[in-house]
Amino acid sequence: MTRVLVTGFEPFGGETVNPSWQAAELVAAAPPEGLAVTAVQLPCVFGESLAALRAAVERVRPELVVCLGQAGGRPGVTVERVAINVDDARIPDNAGAQPIDEPVVPDGPAAYFSSLPVKACVAAMREAGVPTALSNTAGTFVCNHVAYGLGHLLATEFPGVRGGFVHVPWAPAQVPDGSAASVPAEVVAVGVRALLSAAATTVTDVRVTEGATH
């Protein structure tokens, strides 16, 4: 049985729900065959989120970590390829902090690539019927903070553990007027289950184009 940690965030920016946490709970309640999934909610707070992530990794001792976050406005689930070493917050976090051009980890490398087989994960979610794309930017808010922090944690303290970050769209309840794209958490969970199965069984990523011009 492969131990898996899936995290999601608490609501932020005035929202009452966060679909990343909704999806994480659904996946943990009905995990893919062969995977033991633990879901942990992270605070949407710079610094505190990484402390909570570290504590979860130390407690669960997973072989695979997938952190989920909300990316309102994106039309589907997006698997992040890379996280960069900068916090540049457009809005305050849930503790009122709004860092500008500060490193996630002082003296850390400029970026960390996901150690998930990102293209195989995208392919698996599409095969499951979930709108999915590969993303080359995790933003510069708390999601990127956690994506980079996870990369640093695994590279420096938990070698052999693989992990990465995945963004999910708004839930329909967050855009009741239909003015922006949304995907139900239940559909996101179907995709995440497919992603986890692919990540747990794929050693070498597939070589297909998922590039972008911008």
C-alpha atoms as a PDB file:
ATOM      1  CA  MET A   1       0.000   0.000   0.000  1.00  0.00           C
ATOM      2  CA  THR A   2       1.498   3.327  -1.092  1.00  0.00           C
ATOM      3  CA  ARG A   3       1.147   6.115   1.458  1.00  0.00           C
ATOM      4  CA  VAL A   4      -0.046   9.362  -0.111  1.00  0.00           C
ATOM      5  CA  LEU A   5      -0.476  12.823   1.394  1.00  0.00           C
ATOM      6  CA  VAL A   6      -2.935  15.142  -0.350  1.00  0.00           C
ATOM      7  CA  THR A   7      -3.316  18.698   0.913  1.00  0.00           C
ATOM      8  CA  GLY A   8      -5.826  21.425   0.189  1.00  0.00           C
ATOM      9  CA  PHE A   9      -6.238  24.981   1.442  1.00  0.00           C
ATOM     10  CA  GLU A  10      -8.725  26.693   3.683  1.00  0.00           C
ATOM     11  CA  PRO A  11     -10.899  29.362   1.992  1.00  0.00           C
ATOM     12  CA  PHE A  12      -9.256  32.725   1.267  1.00  0.00           C
ATOM     13  CA  GLY A  13      -9.989  36.041  -0.403  1.00  0.00           C
ATOM     14  CA  GLY A  14     -13.455  36.298   1.120  1.00  0.00           C
ATOM     15  CA  GLU A  15     -14.627  32.892  -0.136  1.00  0.00           C
ATOM     16  CA  THR A  16     -16.528  30.483   2.120  1.00  0.00           C
ATOM     17  CA  VAL A  17     -15.224  27.308   0.462  1.00  0.00           C
ATOM     18  CA  ASN A  18     -12.038  26.175  -1.195  1.00  0.00           C
ATOM     19  CA  PRO A  19     -12.486  23.479  -3.849  1.00  0.00           C
ATOM     20  CA  SER A  20      -8.941  22.252  -3.320  1.00  0.00           C
ATOM     21  CA  TRP A  21      -9.873  21.085   0.174  1.00  0.00           C
ATOM     22  CA  GLN A  22     -13.226  19.728  -0.986  1.00  0.00           C
ATOM     23  CA  ALA A  23     -11.454  17.590  -3.570  1.00  0.00           C
ATOM     24  CA  ALA A  24      -8.769  16.452  -1.113  1.00  0.00           C
ATOM     25  CA  GLU A  25     -11.423  15.242   1.333  1.00  0.00           C
ATOM     26  CA  LEU A  26     -13.295  13.377  -1.397  1.00  0.00           C
ATOM     27  CA  VAL A  27     -10.150  11.602  -2.585  1.00  0.00           C
ATOM     28  CA  ALA A  28      -9.160  10.588   0.947  1.00  0.00           C
ATOM     29  CA  ALA A  29     -12.671   9.240   1.560  1.00  0.00           C
ATOM     30  CA  ALA A  30     -12.526   7.069  -1.569  1.00  0.00           C
ATOM     31  CA  PRO A  31      -8.883   6.585  -2.583  1.00  0.00           C
ATOM     32  CA  PRO A  32      -7.642   4.738  -5.644  1.00  0.00           C
ATOM     33  CA  GLU A  33      -6.910   1.060  -5.255  1.00  0.00           C
ATOM     34  CA  GLY A  34      -3.551   0.387  -3.657  1.00  0.00           C
ATOM     35  CA  LEU A  35      -3.155   3.879  -2.202  1.00  0.00           C
ATOM     36  CA  ALA A  36      -3.648   4.961   1.411  1.00  0.00           C
ATOM     37  CA  VAL A  37      -4.525   8.654   1.166  1.00  0.00           C
ATOM     38  CA  THR A  38      -4.397  11.125   4.034  1.00  0.00           C
ATOM     39  CA  ALA A  39      -5.901  14.588   3.497  1.00  0.00           C
ATOM     40  CA  VAL A  40      -4.611  17.613   5.413  1.00  0.00           C
ATOM     41  CA  GLN A  41      -5.882  21.184   5.216  1.00  0.00           C
ATOM     42  CA  LEU A  42      -3.228  23.907   5.047  1.00  0.00           C
ATOM     43  CA  PRO A  43      -3.748  27.503   6.196  1.00  0.00           C
ATOM     44  CA  CYS A  44      -3.672  30.078   3.413  1.00  0.00           C
ATOM     45  CA  VAL A  45      -0.874  31.887   5.211  1.00  0.00           C
ATOM     46  CA  PHE A  46       2.728  32.435   4.159  1.00  0.00           C
ATOM     47  CA  GLY A  47       5.100  30.540   6.443  1.00  0.00           C
ATOM     48  CA  GLU A  48       2.387  28.795   8.474  1.00  0.00           C
ATOM     49  CA  SER A  49       1.380  26.754   5.446  1.00  0.00           C
ATOM     50  CA  LEU A  50       4.881  25.317   5.143  1.00  0.00           C
ATOM     51  CA  ALA A  51       5.039  24.525   8.846  1.00  0.00           C
ATOM     52  CA  ALA A  52       1.749  22.635   8.550  1.00  0.00           C
ATOM     53  CA  LEU A  53       3.002  20.826   5.444  1.00  0.00           C
ATOM     54  CA  ARG A  54       6.207  19.772   7.164  1.00  0.00           C
ATOM     55  CA  ALA A  55       4.260  18.476  10.161  1.00  0.00           C
ATOM     56  CA  ALA A  56       1.973  16.490   7.881  1.00  0.00           C
ATOM     57  CA  VAL A  57       4.892  14.915   6.005  1.00  0.00           C
ATOM     58  CA  GLU A  58       6.597  14.013   9.271  1.00  0.00           C
ATOM     59  CA  ARG A  59       3.393  12.434  10.611  1.00  0.00           C
ATOM     60  CA  VAL A  60       2.199  10.575   7.525  1.00  0.00           C
ATOM     61  CA  ARG A  61       5.629   9.625   6.134  1.00  0.00           C
ATOM     62  CA  PRO A  62       4.209   9.480   2.607  1.00  0.00           C
ATOM     63  CA  GLU A  63       5.862   8.134  -0.494  1.00  0.00           C
ATOM     64  CA  LEU A  64       3.922  10.617  -2.623  1.00  0.00           C
ATOM     65  CA  VAL A  65       2.731  14.167  -1.866  1.00  0.00           C
ATOM     66  CA  VAL A  66       0.263  16.135  -3.984  1.00  0.00           C
ATOM     67  CA  CYS A  67      -0.705  19.619  -2.855  1.00  0.00           C
ATOM     68  CA  LEU A  68      -3.889  21.119  -4.282  1.00  0.00           C
ATOM     69  CA  GLY A  69      -4.753  24.794  -4.518  1.00  0.00           C
ATOM     70  CA  GLN A  70      -7.445  27.012  -6.016  1.00  0.00           C
ATOM     71  CA  ALA A  71      -6.825  28.891  -9.256  1.00  0.00           C
ATOM     72  CA  GLY A  72     -10.065  30.705  -9.919  1.00  0.00           C
ATOM     73  CA  GLY A  73     -10.567  31.516 -13.590  1.00  0.00           C
ATOM     74  CA  ARG A  74      -8.689  28.537 -14.994  1.00  0.00           C
ATOM     75  CA  PRO A  75     -11.000  26.334 -17.049  1.00  0.00           C
ATOM     76  CA  GLY A  76      -9.705  23.011 -15.767  1.00  0.00           C
ATOM     77  CA  VAL A  77      -7.328  21.225 -13.443  1.00  0.00           C
ATOM     78  CA  THR A  78      -3.726  22.270 -14.059  1.00  0.00           C
ATOM     79  CA  VAL A  79      -0.679  20.243 -13.083  1.00  0.00           C
ATOM     80  CA  GLU A  80       2.172  22.587 -12.208  1.00  0.00           C
ATOM     81  CA  ARG A  81       5.548  21.880 -13.791  1.00  0.00           C
ATOM     82  CA  VAL A  82       7.628  24.384 -11.775  1.00  0.00           C
ATOM     83  CA  ALA A  83       7.560  26.594  -8.680  1.00  0.00           C
ATOM     84  CA  ILE A  84       9.727  29.701  -8.280  1.00  0.00           C
ATOM     85  CA  ASN A  85      11.504  31.128  -5.248  1.00  0.00           C
ATOM     86  CA  VAL A  86       9.485  34.308  -4.828  1.00  0.00           C
ATOM     87  CA  ASP A  87       6.513  35.541  -2.808  1.00  0.00           C
ATOM     88  CA  ASP A  88       4.791  38.499  -4.462  1.00  0.00           C
ATOM     89  CA  ALA A  89       1.253  38.689  -3.091  1.00  0.00           C
ATOM     90  CA  ARG A  90      -1.440  40.497  -5.064  1.00  0.00           C
ATOM     91  CA  ILE A  91      -3.748  40.236  -2.021  1.00  0.00           C
ATOM     92  CA  PRO A  92      -3.059  39.660   1.690  1.00  0.00           C
ATOM     93  CA  ASP A  93      -3.046  36.106   3.004  1.00  0.00           C
ATOM     94  CA  ASN A  94      -5.456  35.034   5.736  1.00  0.00           C
ATOM     95  CA  ALA A  95      -3.180  36.524   8.399  1.00  0.00           C
ATOM     96  CA  GLY A  96      -2.973  39.869   6.625  1.00  0.00           C
ATOM     97  CA  ALA A  97       0.579  39.391   5.323  1.00  0.00           C
ATOM     98  CA  GLN A  98       1.372  40.638   1.825  1.00  0.00           C
ATOM     99  CA  PRO A  99       5.044  39.969   1.018  1.00  0.00           C
ATOM    100  CA  ILE A 100       6.466  41.644  -2.058  1.00  0.00           C
ATOM    101  CA  ASP A 101       9.455  40.234  -3.952  1.00  0.00           C
ATOM    102  CA  GLU A 102      10.614  38.090  -1.027  1.00  0.00           C
ATOM    103  CA  PRO A 103      12.169  34.623  -1.378  1.00  0.00           C
ATOM    104  CA  VAL A 104      10.258  31.590  -0.195  1.00  0.00           C
ATOM    105  CA  VAL A 105      13.563  30.150   1.023  1.00  0.00           C
ATOM    106  CA  PRO A 106      16.468  32.607   1.416  1.00  0.00           C
ATOM    107  CA  ASP A 107      19.453  31.375  -0.602  1.00  0.00           C
ATOM    108  CA  GLY A 108      17.336  28.583  -2.093  1.00  0.00           C
ATOM    109  CA  PRO A 109      17.570  27.722  -5.791  1.00  0.00           C
ATOM    110  CA  ALA A 110      15.605  29.830  -8.257  1.00  0.00           C
ATOM    111  CA  ALA A 111      13.057  27.088  -8.874  1.00  0.00           C
ATOM    112  CA  TYR A 112      12.048  23.497  -8.262  1.00  0.00           C
ATOM    113  CA  PHE A 113      10.546  21.274 -10.912  1.00  0.00           C
ATOM    114  CA  SER A 114       7.791  18.894  -9.874  1.00  0.00           C
ATOM    115  CA  SER A 115       9.008  15.368  -9.252  1.00  0.00           C
ATOM    116  CA  LEU A 116       5.674  13.991 -10.465  1.00  0.00           C
ATOM    117  CA  PRO A 117       5.442  12.548 -13.993  1.00  0.00           C
ATOM    118  CA  VAL A 118       3.478  15.661 -14.928  1.00  0.00           C
ATOM    119  CA  LYS A 119       2.598  14.751 -18.511  1.00  0.00           C
ATOM    120  CA  ALA A 120       1.502  11.247 -17.571  1.00  0.00           C
ATOM    121  CA  CYS A 121      -0.649  12.806 -14.859  1.00  0.00           C
ATOM    122  CA  VAL A 122      -2.271  15.179 -17.353  1.00  0.00           C
ATOM    123  CA  ALA A 123      -2.909  12.289 -19.744  1.00  0.00           C
ATOM    124  CA  ALA A 124      -4.471  10.171 -16.997  1.00  0.00           C
ATOM    125  CA  MET A 125      -6.859  12.919 -15.953  1.00  0.00           C
ATOM    126  CA  ARG A 126      -7.904  13.566 -19.537  1.00  0.00           C
ATOM    127  CA  GLU A 127      -8.511   9.849 -19.981  1.00  0.00           C
ATOM    128  CA  ALA A 128     -10.785  10.079 -16.935  1.00  0.00           C
ATOM    129  CA  GLY A 129     -12.792  12.792 -18.675  1.00  0.00           C
ATOM    130  CA  VAL A 130     -11.566  15.719 -16.586  1.00  0.00           C
ATOM    131  CA  PRO A 131     -10.533  19.010 -18.268  1.00  0.00           C
ATOM    132  CA  THR A 132      -6.810  19.223 -17.629  1.00  0.00           C
ATOM    133  CA  ALA A 133      -3.683  21.032 -18.794  1.00  0.00           C
ATOM    134  CA  LEU A 134      -0.015  21.334 -17.906  1.00  0.00           C
ATOM    135  CA  SER A 135       0.817  24.710 -16.343  1.00  0.00           C
ATOM    136  CA  ASN A 136       4.160  26.475 -16.263  1.00  0.00           C
ATOM    137  CA  THR A 137       3.262  28.985 -13.576  1.00  0.00           C
ATOM    138  CA  ALA A 138       1.907  28.410 -10.091  1.00  0.00           C
ATOM    139  CA  GLY A 139       1.588  32.158  -9.530  1.00  0.00           C
ATOM    140  CA  THR A 140       3.348  33.997  -6.701  1.00  0.00           C
ATOM    141  CA  PHE A 141       0.790  33.662  -3.893  1.00  0.00           C
ATOM    142  CA  VAL A 142       0.519  30.977  -1.197  1.00  0.00           C
ATOM    143  CA  CYS A 143       0.044  28.187  -3.768  1.00  0.00           C
ATOM    144  CA  ASN A 144       3.461  28.811  -5.302  1.00  0.00           C
ATOM    145  CA  HIS A 145       4.834  29.305  -1.768  1.00  0.00           C
ATOM    146  CA  VAL A 146       3.705  25.770  -0.889  1.00  0.00           C
ATOM    147  CA  ALA A 147       4.736  24.311  -4.252  1.00  0.00           C
ATOM    148  CA  TYR A 148       8.257  25.694  -3.857  1.00  0.00           C
ATOM    149  CA  GLY A 149       8.367  24.841  -0.148  1.00  0.00           C
ATOM    150  CA  LEU A 150       7.369  21.263  -0.930  1.00  0.00           C
ATOM    151  CA  GLY A 151      10.105  20.991  -3.529  1.00  0.00           C
ATOM    152  CA  HIS A 152      12.664  22.312  -1.067  1.00  0.00           C
ATOM    153  CA  LEU A 153      11.452  20.046   1.734  1.00  0.00           C
ATOM    154  CA  LEU A 154      11.645  16.923  -0.391  1.00  0.00           C
ATOM    155  CA  ALA A 155      15.003  17.865  -1.909  1.00  0.00           C
ATOM    156  CA  THR A 156      16.680  18.646   1.394  1.00  0.00           C
ATOM    157  CA  GLU A 157      14.979  16.495   4.041  1.00  0.00           C
ATOM    158  CA  PHE A 158      12.931  13.709   2.458  1.00  0.00           C
ATOM    159  CA  PRO A 159      14.914  12.328  -0.493  1.00  0.00           C
ATOM    160  CA  GLY A 160      13.066   9.616  -2.333  1.00  0.00           C
ATOM    161  CA  VAL A 161       9.644  11.127  -1.681  1.00  0.00           C
ATOM    162  CA  ARG A 162       8.042  12.472  -4.848  1.00  0.00           C
ATOM    163  CA  GLY A 163       5.615  15.349  -4.982  1.00  0.00           C
ATOM    164  CA  GLY A 164       4.139  18.283  -6.798  1.00  0.00           C
ATOM    165  CA  PHE A 165       1.388  20.850  -6.962  1.00  0.00           C
ATOM    166  CA  VAL A 166      -1.946  20.876  -8.784  1.00  0.00           C
ATOM    167  CA  HIS A 167      -4.337  23.807  -9.234  1.00  0.00           C
ATOM    168  CA  VAL A 168      -8.100  23.315  -9.395  1.00  0.00           C
ATOM    169  CA  PRO A 169     -10.744  25.695 -10.771  1.00  0.00           C
ATOM    170  CA  TRP A 170     -13.513  27.416  -8.868  1.00  0.00           C
ATOM    171  CA  ALA A 171     -16.449  25.273  -7.778  1.00  0.00           C
ATOM    172  CA  PRO A 172     -19.820  26.137  -9.370  1.00  0.00           C
ATOM    173  CA  ALA A 173     -21.082  27.635  -6.098  1.00  0.00           C
ATOM    174  CA  GLN A 174     -18.304  30.238  -6.294  1.00  0.00           C
ATOM    175  CA  VAL A 175     -19.531  31.554  -9.660  1.00  0.00           C
ATOM    176  CA  PRO A 176     -23.316  31.224  -9.438  1.00  0.00           C
ATOM    177  CA  ASP A 177     -23.816  33.623 -12.347  1.00  0.00           C
ATOM    178  CA  GLY A 178     -21.729  31.430 -14.623  1.00  0.00           C
ATOM    179  CA  SER A 179     -19.435  34.316 -15.542  1.00  0.00           C
ATOM    180  CA  ALA A 180     -16.290  32.200 -15.172  1.00  0.00           C
ATOM    181  CA  ALA A 181     -15.301  28.589 -15.638  1.00  0.00           C
ATOM    182  CA  SER A 182     -16.000  26.161 -12.824  1.00  0.00           C
ATOM    183  CA  VAL A 183     -15.726  22.425 -12.201  1.00  0.00           C
ATOM    184  CA  PRO A 184     -17.515  20.491  -9.432  1.00  0.00           C
ATOM    185  CA  ALA A 185     -15.256  19.164  -6.697  1.00  0.00           C
ATOM    186  CA  GLU A 186     -16.553  15.671  -7.402  1.00  0.00           C
ATOM    187  CA  VAL A 187     -15.202  15.897 -10.959  1.00  0.00           C
ATOM    188  CA  VAL A 188     -11.894  17.317  -9.726  1.00  0.00           C
ATOM    189  CA  ALA A 189     -11.646  14.366  -7.319  1.00  0.00           C
ATOM    190  CA  VAL A 190     -12.060  11.937 -10.221  1.00  0.00           C
ATOM    191  CA  GLY A 191      -9.121  13.618 -11.902  1.00  0.00           C
ATOM    192  CA  VAL A 192      -6.972  13.657  -8.783  1.00  0.00           C
ATOM    193  CA  ARG A 193      -7.577   9.943  -8.251  1.00  0.00           C
ATOM    194  CA  ALA A 194      -6.426   9.281 -11.812  1.00  0.00           C
ATOM    195  CA  LEU A 195      -3.405  11.525 -11.264  1.00  0.00           C
ATOM    196  CA  LEU A 196      -2.426   9.699  -8.080  1.00  0.00           C
ATOM    197  CA  SER A 197      -2.666   6.319  -9.752  1.00  0.00           C
ATOM    198  CA  ALA A 198      -0.518   7.536 -12.634  1.00  0.00           C
ATOM    199  CA  ALA A 199       2.018   9.141 -10.319  1.00  0.00           C
ATOM    200  CA  ALA A 200       2.297   6.009  -8.189  1.00  0.00           C
ATOM    201  CA  THR A 201       2.906   3.702 -11.150  1.00  0.00           C
ATOM    202  CA  THR A 202       4.807   5.818 -13.708  1.00  0.00           C
ATOM    203  CA  VAL A 203       8.577   5.755 -13.441  1.00  0.00           C
ATOM    204  CA  THR A 204       9.459   7.629 -16.649  1.00  0.00           C
ATOM    205  CA  ASP A 205       7.199  10.437 -17.822  1.00  0.00           C
ATOM    206  CA  VAL A 206       5.636  10.264 -21.262  1.00  0.00           C
ATOM    207  CA  ARG A 207       7.279  12.326 -23.988  1.00  0.00           C
ATOM    208  CA  VAL A 208       4.476  14.341 -25.582  1.00  0.00           C
ATOM    209  CA  THR A 209       4.138  18.029 -26.290  1.00  0.00           C
ATOM    210  CA  GLU A 210       2.415  20.127 -23.648  1.00  0.00           C
ATOM    211  CA  GLY A 211       4.335  23.316 -24.345  1.00  0.00           C
ATOM    212  CA  ALA A 212       2.870  26.801 -24.416  1.00  0.00           C
ATOM    213  CA  THR A 213       3.812  29.987 -26.246  1.00  0.00           C
ATOM    214  CA  HIS A 214       2.800  32.191 -23.313  1.00  0.00           C
END
